[in-house]
C-alpha atoms as a PDB file:
ATOM      1  CA  MET A   1     -16.661  -6.819   5.441  1.00  0.00           C
ATOM      2  CA  ASP A   2     -17.919  -8.260   8.697  1.00  0.00           C
ATOM      3  CA  GLU A   3     -20.647  -5.729   9.456  1.00  0.00           C
ATOM      4  CA  LYS A   4     -22.086  -5.634  12.946  1.00  0.00           C
ATOM      5  CA  ILE A   5     -25.790  -6.445  13.105  1.00  0.00           C
ATOM      6  CA  ARG A   6     -27.257  -4.036  15.633  1.00  0.00           C
ATOM      7  CA  ASN A   7     -30.954  -4.437  14.902  1.00  0.00           C
ATOM      8  CA  PHE A   8     -33.316  -6.259  12.582  1.00  0.00           C
ATOM      9  CA  LYS A   9     -32.975  -3.553   9.905  1.00  0.00           C
ATOM     10  CA  ASP A  10     -29.367  -4.674   9.410  1.00  0.00           C
ATOM     11  CA  LEU A  11     -30.486  -8.200   8.503  1.00  0.00           C
ATOM     12  CA  ARG A  12     -30.281  -8.821   4.761  1.00  0.00           C
ATOM     13  CA  VAL A  13     -33.255 -11.208   4.946  1.00  0.00           C
ATOM     14  CA  TRP A  14     -35.391  -8.483   6.541  1.00  0.00           C
ATOM     15  CA  GLN A  15     -34.306  -6.030   3.813  1.00  0.00           C
ATOM     16  CA  LYS A  16     -35.221  -8.578   1.111  1.00  0.00           C
ATOM     17  CA  GLY A  17     -38.577  -9.130   2.823  1.00  0.00           C
ATOM     18  CA  LEU A  18     -39.277  -5.413   2.773  1.00  0.00           C
ATOM     19  CA  GLU A  19     -38.400  -5.250  -0.943  1.00  0.00           C
ATOM     20  CA  LEU A  20     -40.829  -8.112  -1.551  1.00  0.00           C
ATOM     21  CA  VAL A  21     -43.598  -6.284   0.330  1.00  0.00           C
ATOM     22  CA  LYS A  22     -43.130  -3.180  -1.808  1.00  0.00           C
ATOM     23  CA  GLU A  23     -43.232  -5.296  -4.979  1.00  0.00           C
ATOM     24  CA  ILE A  24     -46.372  -7.091  -3.777  1.00  0.00           C
ATOM     25  CA  TYR A  25     -48.143  -3.802  -3.063  1.00  0.00           C
ATOM     26  CA  THR A  26     -47.214  -2.542  -6.520  1.00  0.00           C
ATOM     27  CA  ILE A  27     -48.475  -5.594  -8.408  1.00  0.00           C
ATOM     28  CA  THR A  28     -51.681  -5.975  -6.390  1.00  0.00           C
ATOM     29  CA  ARG A  29     -52.742  -2.417  -7.284  1.00  0.00           C
ATOM     30  CA  ASP A  30     -53.658  -3.852 -10.677  1.00  0.00           C
ATOM     31  CA  PHE A  31     -55.767  -6.704  -9.286  1.00  0.00           C
ATOM     32  CA  PRO A  32     -59.530  -6.451  -9.863  1.00  0.00           C
ATOM     33  CA  LYS A  33     -61.278  -4.105  -7.436  1.00  0.00           C
ATOM     34  CA  GLU A  34     -63.602  -6.905  -6.306  1.00  0.00           C
ATOM     35  CA  GLU A  35     -60.503  -8.634  -4.868  1.00  0.00           C
ATOM     36  CA  GLN A  36     -59.647  -5.684  -2.602  1.00  0.00           C
ATOM     37  CA  PHE A  37     -60.970  -7.446   0.508  1.00  0.00           C
ATOM     38  CA  GLY A  38     -60.210 -10.933  -0.806  1.00  0.00           C
ATOM     39  CA  LEU A  39     -57.067 -12.138  -2.496  1.00  0.00           C
ATOM     40  CA  THR A  40     -55.390  -8.707  -2.598  1.00  0.00           C
ATOM     41  CA  SER A  41     -55.733  -8.326   1.164  1.00  0.00           C
ATOM     42  CA  GLN A  42     -54.591 -11.908   1.816  1.00  0.00           C
ATOM     43  CA  ILE A  43     -51.496 -11.539  -0.381  1.00  0.00           C
ATOM     44  CA  ARG A  44     -50.529  -8.241   1.210  1.00  0.00           C
ATOM     45  CA  ARG A  45     -50.973  -9.547   4.763  1.00  0.00           C
ATOM     46  CA  ALA A  46     -48.908 -12.676   4.065  1.00  0.00           C
ATOM     47  CA  ALA A  47     -46.134 -10.586   2.496  1.00  0.00           C
ATOM     48  CA  VAL A  48     -46.084  -8.077   5.380  1.00  0.00           C
ATOM     49  CA  SER A  49     -45.981 -10.944   7.862  1.00  0.00           C
ATOM     50  CA  ILE A  50     -42.595 -12.136   6.582  1.00  0.00           C
ATOM     51  CA  PRO A  51     -40.394  -9.148   7.528  1.00  0.00           C
ATOM     52  CA  SER A  52     -42.627  -8.413  10.537  1.00  0.00           C
ATOM     53  CA  ASN A  53     -41.948 -11.818  12.063  1.00  0.00           C
ATOM     54  CA  ILE A  54     -38.251 -11.582  11.245  1.00  0.00           C
ATOM     55  CA  ALA A  55     -38.164  -8.294  13.173  1.00  0.00           C
ATOM     56  CA  GLU A  56     -40.151  -9.649  16.102  1.00  0.00           C
ATOM     57  CA  GLY A  57     -37.989 -12.756  16.317  1.00  0.00           C
ATOM     58  CA  PHE A  58     -34.836 -10.665  16.294  1.00  0.00           C
ATOM     59  CA  ARG A  59     -36.039  -8.791  19.377  1.00  0.00           C
ATOM     60  CA  ARG A  60     -36.790 -11.970  21.322  1.00  0.00           C
ATOM     61  CA  ARG A  61     -34.317 -12.904  24.021  1.00  0.00           C
ATOM     62  CA  TYR A  62     -34.304 -16.681  23.698  1.00  0.00           C
ATOM     63  CA  SER A  63     -33.192 -18.713  20.702  1.00  0.00           C
ATOM     64  CA  ARG A  64     -36.296 -20.914  20.951  1.00  0.00           C
ATOM     65  CA  GLU A  65     -38.512 -17.853  20.537  1.00  0.00           C
ATOM     66  CA  GLN A  66     -36.333 -16.510  17.720  1.00  0.00           C
ATOM     67  CA  LYS A  67     -36.690 -19.802  15.826  1.00  0.00           C
ATOM     68  CA  GLN A  68     -40.448 -19.766  16.404  1.00  0.00           C
ATOM     69  CA  PHE A  69     -40.778 -16.406  14.643  1.00  0.00           C
ATOM     70  CA  ILE A  70     -38.523 -17.548  11.796  1.00  0.00           C
ATOM     71  CA  ASN A  71     -40.846 -20.537  11.396  1.00  0.00           C
ATOM     72  CA  ILE A  72     -43.858 -18.215  11.361  1.00  0.00           C
ATOM     73  CA  ALA A  73     -42.160 -16.165   8.613  1.00  0.00           C
ATOM     74  CA  LEU A  74     -41.570 -19.407   6.683  1.00  0.00           C
ATOM     75  CA  GLY A  75     -45.246 -20.283   7.124  1.00  0.00           C
ATOM     76  CA  SER A  76     -46.266 -16.877   5.798  1.00  0.00           C
ATOM     77  CA  SER A  77     -44.018 -17.407   2.793  1.00  0.00           C
ATOM     78  CA  ALA A  78     -45.832 -20.688   2.049  1.00  0.00           C
ATOM     79  CA  GLU A  79     -49.150 -18.835   2.329  1.00  0.00           C
ATOM     80  CA  LEU A  80     -47.875 -16.150  -0.031  1.00  0.00           C
ATOM     81  CA  GLU A  81     -46.608 -18.723  -2.505  1.00  0.00           C
ATOM     82  CA  THR A  82     -50.020 -20.398  -2.587  1.00  0.00           C
ATOM     83  CA  GLN A  83     -51.802 -17.080  -3.023  1.00  0.00           C
ATOM     84  CA  LEU A  84     -49.493 -16.059  -5.865  1.00  0.00           C
ATOM     85  CA  ILE A  85     -50.214 -19.370  -7.597  1.00  0.00           C
ATOM     86  CA  ILE A  86     -53.927 -18.637  -7.249  1.00  0.00           C
ATOM     87  CA  ALA A  87     -53.408 -15.122  -8.643  1.00  0.00           C
ATOM     88  CA  ARG A  88     -51.524 -16.609 -11.588  1.00  0.00           C
ATOM     89  CA  GLU A  89     -54.241 -19.213 -12.201  1.00  0.00           C
ATOM     90  CA  LEU A  90     -56.844 -16.415 -12.210  1.00  0.00           C
ATOM     91  CA  ASN A  91     -54.702 -14.451 -14.700  1.00  0.00           C
ATOM     92  CA  TYR A  92     -54.178 -11.578 -12.266  1.00  0.00           C
ATOM     93  CA  LEU A  93     -50.417 -12.076 -12.675  1.00  0.00           C
ATOM     94  CA  ASP A  94     -48.528 -12.738 -15.873  1.00  0.00           C
ATOM     95  CA  ILE A  95     -46.115 -15.659 -15.817  1.00  0.00           C
ATOM     96  CA  LYS A  96     -43.002 -13.479 -15.937  1.00  0.00           C
ATOM     97  CA  LYS A  97     -44.006 -11.445 -12.859  1.00  0.00           C
ATOM     98  CA  HIS A  98     -45.168 -14.612 -11.070  1.00  0.00           C
ATOM     99  CA  ASP A  99     -41.841 -16.356 -11.691  1.00  0.00           C
ATOM    100  CA  SER A 100     -39.911 -13.287 -10.582  1.00  0.00           C
ATOM    101  CA  LEU A 101     -41.829 -13.097  -7.299  1.00  0.00           C
ATOM    102  CA  MET A 102     -41.360 -16.833  -6.711  1.00  0.00           C
ATOM    103  CA  GLU A 103     -37.630 -16.469  -7.222  1.00  0.00           C
ATOM    104  CA  ILE A 104     -37.452 -13.688  -4.624  1.00  0.00           C
ATOM    105  CA  LEU A 105     -39.602 -15.701  -2.228  1.00  0.00           C
ATOM    106  CA  ASP A 106     -37.436 -18.826  -2.649  1.00  0.00           C
ATOM    107  CA  HIS A 107     -34.335 -16.753  -1.909  1.00  0.00           C
ATOM    108  CA  ILE A 108     -35.904 -15.355   1.264  1.00  0.00           C
ATOM    109  CA  CYS A 109     -36.933 -18.844   2.394  1.00  0.00           C
ATOM    110  CA  GLY A 110     -33.384 -20.106   1.915  1.00  0.00           C
ATOM    111  CA  MET A 111     -32.068 -17.201   3.961  1.00  0.00           C
ATOM    112  CA  LEU A 112     -34.590 -17.928   6.721  1.00  0.00           C
ATOM    113  CA  VAL A 113     -33.643 -21.611   6.859  1.00  0.00           C
ATOM    114  CA  ASN A 114     -29.956 -20.679   7.110  1.00  0.00           C
ATOM    115  CA  MET A 115     -30.737 -18.123   9.805  1.00  0.00           C
ATOM    116  CA  SER A 116     -32.645 -20.724  11.809  1.00  0.00           C
ATOM    117  CA  LYS A 117     -29.707 -23.133  11.614  1.00  0.00           C
ATOM    118  CA  ARG A 118     -27.326 -20.485  12.973  1.00  0.00           C
ATOM    119  CA  ILE A 119     -29.450 -19.735  16.056  1.00  0.00           C
END
């Protein structure tokens, strides 16, 4: 079961990041309309940044650059975590959905840390 990774789309962490983005877009549709250019936009941009930086790092030629983009993805995940806490505190997210998103985010972060160690 040793599958060859040919591009970033073969990376499980990128796939998980994309799943998270889709989930984030779904849940933020229900946020108050006055948050469209505020918290909703911030949350969506932070979520999109995770798989985007994984993809960009994959295409870089040097391991130092690859690690830099993994670290940027980790930074975006910390941003997203903070923003989801804020959304929960403002009652835009119920606790069950919040905890589910945090679990996915923690899993992605663990995968990113492991990826960085292997480079």
